[in-house]
Amino acid sequence: MARLADAFIALQGGAGTLEEMFEQWTWSQLGVHAKPCGLLDVNGYFSPLLTMIEKLVAEGFTAAPFPAMLAVDTDTDNLLARFRIYQAPVRKWSAQNGQVVQA
């Protein structure tokens, strides 16, 4: 799926949906791919998850650029428009002089 897809959109779903989306979002952070990831937030379904992601930043478990790379919208056309202009941020981890460093 990841190799063939141009982007990833999660709709309402359960644990499998979240696992797949978080895997792709993580891979994007790590530089495995540079494809956009997004949540189609129908009727506020993902609001609690978005609050938790904000908490990840507030408590230092992730840097602000990484949640910002996850597109969220209630409208499919808007979400796809954001995908068209998406530019992946600097990878979370990179190698410098043979050493792996956090960006």
Protein backbone atom coordinates (compact mmCIF):
# COMPACT_ATOMS: atom_id res chain seq x y z
CA MET A 1 0.00 0.00 0.00
CA ALA A 2 2.64 2.53 1.03
CA ARG A 3 4.73 2.03 -2.09
CA LEU A 4 1.79 2.39 -4.49
CA ALA A 5 0.00 5.30 -2.81
CA ASP A 6 0.51 8.99 -3.61
CA ALA A 7 -0.91 10.09 -0.24
CA PHE A 8 -2.74 8.74 2.79
CA ILE A 9 -6.15 9.82 4.12
CA ALA A 10 -7.75 8.30 7.21
CA LEU A 11 -11.51 8.29 7.63
CA GLN A 12 -13.33 7.34 10.80
CA GLY A 13 -12.25 3.92 11.92
CA GLY A 14 -10.84 1.80 14.65
CA ALA A 15 -7.45 0.65 15.84
CA GLY A 16 -6.37 -0.66 12.44
CA THR A 17 -7.14 2.65 10.76
CA LEU A 18 -5.16 4.55 13.39
CA GLU A 19 -2.28 2.09 13.21
CA GLU A 20 -2.01 2.42 9.44
CA MET A 21 -2.19 6.22 9.53
CA PHE A 22 0.33 6.55 12.35
CA GLU A 23 2.70 4.21 10.52
CA GLN A 24 2.59 6.35 7.38
CA TRP A 25 2.88 9.57 9.37
CA THR A 26 5.89 8.13 11.23
CA TRP A 27 7.50 6.95 7.99
CA SER A 28 7.09 10.46 6.61
CA GLN A 29 8.77 11.93 9.70
CA LEU A 30 11.65 9.48 9.33
CA GLY A 31 12.06 10.20 5.61
CA VAL A 32 10.98 6.74 4.43
CA HIS A 33 8.63 8.60 2.08
CA ALA A 34 7.65 12.22 1.43
CA LYS A 35 3.93 11.65 0.84
CA PRO A 36 1.23 13.71 2.54
CA CYS A 37 -0.87 12.22 5.32
CA GLY A 38 -4.24 13.54 6.39
CA LEU A 39 -7.34 13.03 8.45
CA LEU A 40 -10.81 13.67 7.04
CA ASP A 41 -12.37 14.93 10.26
CA VAL A 42 -16.09 14.34 9.72
CA ASN A 43 -18.24 15.55 12.61
CA GLY A 44 -15.19 16.13 14.84
CA TYR A 45 -14.35 12.43 14.97
CA PHE A 46 -10.61 13.08 15.28
CA SER A 47 -10.88 15.97 17.77
CA PRO A 48 -9.73 13.88 20.77
CA LEU A 49 -6.83 12.52 18.75
CA LEU A 50 -5.81 16.03 17.68
CA THR A 51 -5.87 17.11 21.32
CA MET A 52 -3.55 14.22 22.16
CA ILE A 53 -1.19 15.18 19.33
CA GLU A 54 -1.08 18.74 20.73
CA LYS A 55 -0.17 17.22 24.09
CA LEU A 56 2.70 15.31 22.46
CA VAL A 57 4.17 18.65 21.38
CA ALA A 58 3.44 20.43 24.68
CA GLU A 59 5.20 17.70 26.66
CA GLY A 60 8.18 17.48 24.32
CA PHE A 61 7.50 14.06 22.82
CA THR A 62 7.53 15.46 19.28
CA ALA A 63 8.54 18.71 17.63
CA ALA A 64 5.96 21.12 16.19
CA PRO A 65 6.89 20.54 12.51
CA PHE A 66 5.78 16.91 12.68
CA PRO A 67 2.15 17.38 13.75
CA ALA A 68 1.95 20.27 11.29
CA MET A 69 2.70 17.83 8.46
CA LEU A 70 -0.53 15.94 9.22
CA ALA A 71 -3.26 17.66 7.18
CA VAL A 72 -6.68 17.79 8.84
CA ASP A 73 -9.87 19.05 7.25
CA THR A 74 -13.60 18.43 7.23
CA ASP A 75 -13.84 18.83 3.46
CA THR A 76 -12.36 16.36 0.96
CA ASP A 77 -11.62 19.01 -1.67
CA ASN A 78 -9.78 21.18 0.86
CA LEU A 79 -7.77 18.21 2.08
CA LEU A 80 -6.76 17.25 -1.46
CA ALA A 81 -5.84 20.88 -2.21
CA ARG A 82 -3.52 20.83 0.81
CA PHE A 83 -1.99 17.60 -0.47
CA ARG A 84 -1.21 19.23 -3.83
CA ILE A 85 0.96 21.91 -2.17
CA TYR A 86 2.47 19.62 0.50
CA GLN A 87 6.19 19.80 1.08
CA ALA A 88 7.72 17.34 3.50
CA PRO A 89 9.70 18.89 6.38
CA VAL A 90 13.25 17.95 7.23
CA ARG A 91 13.50 14.33 8.34
CA LYS A 92 13.38 13.65 12.06
CA TRP A 93 16.62 11.67 11.96
CA SER A 94 19.52 12.18 9.60
CA ALA A 95 23.09 10.97 9.30
CA GLN A 96 25.93 13.45 9.67
CA ASN A 97 29.53 12.24 9.48
CA GLY A 98 28.39 8.69 10.07
CA GLN A 99 26.45 9.68 13.21
CA VAL A 100 22.66 9.56 13.45
CA VAL A 101 21.34 12.84 14.88
CA GLN A 102 17.88 14.13 15.64
CA ALA A 103 16.84 17.08 13.49
